[in-house]
């Protein structure tokens, strides 16, 4: 996926979140506030993806006890 598509998806997610928050707060429909939260979390997880931890510990404490 190229960079332009990624930025387009991020922009769509944050715009959808803002729109849902705005509509939910003016109408009082809690569903749209939840939908805004879901879109916002999708935005943040797309910006900062969760990286898998490697099985090797780089901490020196583990190296000491390993020997």
N, C-alpha and C. Protein backbone atom coordinates (compact mmCIF):
# COMPACT_ATOMS: atom_id res chain seq x y z
N UNK A 1 0.86 -1.17 0.00
CA UNK A 1 0.00 0.00 0.00
C UNK A 1 0.91 1.23 0.00
N UNK A 2 0.64 2.16 -0.90
CA UNK A 2 1.52 3.32 -0.96
C UNK A 2 1.16 4.35 0.11
N UNK A 3 2.02 5.33 0.27
CA UNK A 3 1.91 6.30 1.35
C UNK A 3 0.66 7.17 1.19
N UNK A 4 0.30 7.51 -0.03
CA UNK A 4 -0.88 8.35 -0.26
C UNK A 4 -2.15 7.67 0.24
N UNK A 5 -2.28 6.39 -0.02
CA UNK A 5 -3.46 5.64 0.42
C UNK A 5 -3.51 5.58 1.94
N UNK A 6 -2.36 5.38 2.59
CA UNK A 6 -2.32 5.34 4.05
C UNK A 6 -2.76 6.67 4.65
N UNK A 7 -2.27 7.78 4.11
CA UNK A 7 -2.67 9.10 4.61
C UNK A 7 -4.15 9.36 4.34
N UNK A 8 -4.65 8.88 3.22
CA UNK A 8 -6.07 9.05 2.91
C UNK A 8 -6.94 8.28 3.90
N UNK A 9 -6.52 7.07 4.24
CA UNK A 9 -7.26 6.27 5.23
C UNK A 9 -7.23 6.94 6.60
N UNK A 10 -6.05 7.46 7.00
CA UNK A 10 -5.94 8.14 8.29
C UNK A 10 -6.83 9.37 8.34
N UNK A 11 -6.84 10.14 7.25
CA UNK A 11 -7.69 11.34 7.20
C UNK A 11 -9.17 10.96 7.29
N UNK A 12 -9.56 9.90 6.60
CA UNK A 12 -10.95 9.46 6.63
C UNK A 12 -11.34 8.99 8.03
N UNK A 13 -10.44 8.28 8.70
CA UNK A 13 -10.74 7.80 10.06
C UNK A 13 -10.92 8.95 11.04
N UNK A 14 -10.05 9.94 10.99
CA UNK A 14 -10.15 11.04 11.96
C UNK A 14 -11.34 11.94 11.63
N UNK A 15 -11.64 12.12 10.36
CA UNK A 15 -12.82 12.91 9.99
C UNK A 15 -14.09 12.19 10.42
N UNK A 16 -14.13 10.87 10.25
CA UNK A 16 -15.30 10.09 10.68
C UNK A 16 -15.46 10.15 12.19
N UNK A 17 -14.34 10.10 12.93
CA UNK A 17 -14.41 10.18 14.39
C UNK A 17 -14.95 11.54 14.83
N UNK A 18 -14.45 12.61 14.24
CA UNK A 18 -14.90 13.96 14.61
C UNK A 18 -16.37 14.13 14.26
N UNK A 19 -16.77 13.64 13.09
CA UNK A 19 -18.17 13.75 12.68
C UNK A 19 -19.09 12.98 13.62
N UNK A 20 -18.69 11.79 14.01
CA UNK A 20 -19.52 10.99 14.92
C UNK A 20 -19.60 11.63 16.30
N UNK A 21 -18.46 12.13 16.82
CA UNK A 21 -18.49 12.83 18.11
C UNK A 21 -19.41 14.05 18.05
N UNK A 22 -19.30 14.81 16.97
CA UNK A 22 -20.10 16.02 16.83
C UNK A 22 -21.59 15.69 16.76
N UNK A 23 -21.95 14.73 15.92
CA UNK A 23 -23.36 14.37 15.78
C UNK A 23 -23.90 13.75 17.06
N UNK A 24 -23.08 12.94 17.70
CA UNK A 24 -23.51 12.30 18.94
C UNK A 24 -23.72 13.29 20.07
N UNK A 25 -22.88 14.32 20.13
CA UNK A 25 -23.04 15.29 21.22
C UNK A 25 -24.20 16.24 20.98
N UNK A 26 -24.52 16.53 19.71
CA UNK A 26 -25.65 17.43 19.45
C UNK A 26 -27.00 16.72 19.56
N UNK A 27 -27.04 15.45 19.16
CA UNK A 27 -28.33 14.74 19.21
C UNK A 27 -28.52 13.95 20.49
N UNK A 28 -27.43 13.69 21.18
CA UNK A 28 -27.52 12.92 22.41
C UNK A 28 -27.58 11.42 22.19
N UNK A 29 -27.34 10.98 20.97
CA UNK A 29 -27.34 9.55 20.67
C UNK A 29 -25.98 8.96 21.05
N UNK A 30 -25.99 8.09 22.03
CA UNK A 30 -24.75 7.52 22.56
C UNK A 30 -24.07 6.62 21.53
N UNK A 31 -24.83 6.06 20.60
CA UNK A 31 -24.26 5.19 19.57
C UNK A 31 -23.19 5.92 18.76
N UNK A 32 -23.44 7.18 18.43
CA UNK A 32 -22.48 7.93 17.61
C UNK A 32 -21.22 8.29 18.40
N UNK A 33 -21.34 8.45 19.68
CA UNK A 33 -20.17 8.71 20.51
C UNK A 33 -19.30 7.44 20.56
N UNK A 34 -19.93 6.29 20.69
CA UNK A 34 -19.19 5.02 20.66
C UNK A 34 -18.55 4.82 19.28
N UNK A 35 -19.29 5.11 18.22
CA UNK A 35 -18.73 4.98 16.87
C UNK A 35 -17.54 5.92 16.68
N UNK A 36 -17.63 7.13 17.21
CA UNK A 36 -16.51 8.07 17.15
C UNK A 36 -15.30 7.53 17.88
N UNK A 37 -15.53 6.91 19.03
CA UNK A 37 -14.44 6.31 19.79
C UNK A 37 -13.78 5.18 19.00
N UNK A 38 -14.59 4.36 18.35
CA UNK A 38 -14.05 3.25 17.55
C UNK A 38 -13.20 3.79 16.40
N UNK A 39 -13.70 4.82 15.70
CA UNK A 39 -12.94 5.41 14.60
C UNK A 39 -11.64 6.05 15.11
N UNK A 40 -11.71 6.70 16.27
CA UNK A 40 -10.51 7.32 16.82
C UNK A 40 -9.47 6.28 17.21
N UNK A 41 -9.91 5.19 17.83
CA UNK A 41 -8.97 4.13 18.20
C UNK A 41 -8.35 3.49 16.95
N UNK A 42 -9.15 3.32 15.90
CA UNK A 42 -8.61 2.79 14.65
C UNK A 42 -7.55 3.74 14.10
N UNK A 43 -7.80 5.05 14.20
CA UNK A 43 -6.83 6.04 13.76
C UNK A 43 -5.52 5.91 14.53
N UNK A 44 -5.60 5.87 15.86
CA UNK A 44 -4.38 5.84 16.68
C UNK A 44 -3.63 4.53 16.51
N UNK A 45 -4.33 3.41 16.38
CA UNK A 45 -3.64 2.15 16.18
C UNK A 45 -3.03 2.05 14.79
N UNK A 46 -3.57 2.79 13.83
CA UNK A 46 -2.98 2.83 12.49
C UNK A 46 -1.73 3.71 12.50
N UNK A 47 -1.75 4.80 13.29
CA UNK A 47 -0.61 5.70 13.37
C UNK A 47 0.53 5.05 14.15
N UNK A 48 0.20 4.46 15.29
CA UNK A 48 1.20 3.81 16.14
C UNK A 48 0.85 2.34 16.28
N UNK A 49 1.23 1.51 15.31
CA UNK A 49 0.88 0.08 15.40
C UNK A 49 1.60 -0.59 16.56
N UNK A 50 0.96 -1.62 17.10
CA UNK A 50 1.54 -2.38 18.19
C UNK A 50 2.59 -3.31 17.61
N UNK A 51 3.79 -3.20 18.14
CA UNK A 51 4.89 -4.03 17.65
C UNK A 51 5.00 -5.27 18.53
N UNK A 52 5.23 -6.39 17.90
CA UNK A 52 5.39 -7.64 18.64
C UNK A 52 6.74 -7.64 19.33
N UNK A 53 6.74 -8.12 20.55
CA UNK A 53 7.98 -8.20 21.31
C UNK A 53 8.75 -9.44 20.87
N UNK A 54 10.04 -9.28 20.78
CA UNK A 54 10.87 -10.42 20.41
C UNK A 54 11.07 -11.32 21.63
N UNK A 55 11.45 -12.54 21.38
CA UNK A 55 11.64 -13.48 22.48
C UNK A 55 12.96 -13.26 23.19
N UNK A 56 13.85 -12.47 22.60
CA UNK A 56 15.14 -12.17 23.22
C UNK A 56 15.01 -10.94 24.09
N UNK A 57 15.41 -11.07 25.34
CA UNK A 57 15.36 -9.94 26.25
C UNK A 57 16.69 -9.21 26.18
N UNK A 58 16.63 -7.89 26.01
CA UNK A 58 17.86 -7.13 25.92
C UNK A 58 18.32 -6.60 27.27
N UNK A 59 17.54 -6.83 28.28
CA UNK A 59 17.88 -6.34 29.61
C UNK A 59 19.04 -7.15 30.18
N UNK A 60 19.99 -6.47 30.80
CA UNK A 60 21.17 -7.16 31.33
C UNK A 60 20.83 -8.03 32.54
N UNK A 61 19.74 -7.76 33.23
CA UNK A 61 19.35 -8.58 34.38
C UNK A 61 19.07 -10.01 33.92
N UNK A 62 18.41 -10.16 32.78
CA UNK A 62 18.11 -11.50 32.28
C UNK A 62 19.38 -12.21 31.85
N UNK A 63 20.35 -11.47 31.34
CA UNK A 63 21.60 -12.08 30.92
C UNK A 63 22.38 -12.62 32.14
N UNK A 64 22.32 -11.91 33.24
CA UNK A 64 23.02 -12.32 34.45
C UNK A 64 22.42 -13.64 34.97
N UNK A 65 21.11 -13.71 35.04
CA UNK A 65 20.46 -14.90 35.58
C UNK A 65 20.47 -16.07 34.59
N UNK A 66 20.67 -15.80 33.34
CA UNK A 66 20.68 -16.85 32.34
C UNK A 66 21.93 -17.71 32.46
N UNK A 67 23.04 -17.12 32.85
CA UNK A 67 24.30 -17.87 32.96
C UNK A 67 24.33 -18.64 34.19
